[in-house]
Amino acid sequence: MSKRHLVVIYLLLAVIVCMQLYIIKQNDQIKRDIVNSGNYISEKLDILTSKVNTYLID
């Protein structure tokens, strides 16, 4: 193999590693968004439950 072939292989490997890091970052953001939406839904359910409880008690 010539130096040119090795340089091309190393560049392709670097591109693959960068793409994997980008995908990992995107997946982490998706996980955070899912957790945030779960917390939001949980908060709204708590509010709704408290309103129903006050309605039933009155």
Foldseek 3Di string as FASTA:
>chain_A
DDPVVVVVVVVVVVVVVVVVVVVVVVVVVVVVVVVVVVVVVVVVVVVVVVVVVVVVVD
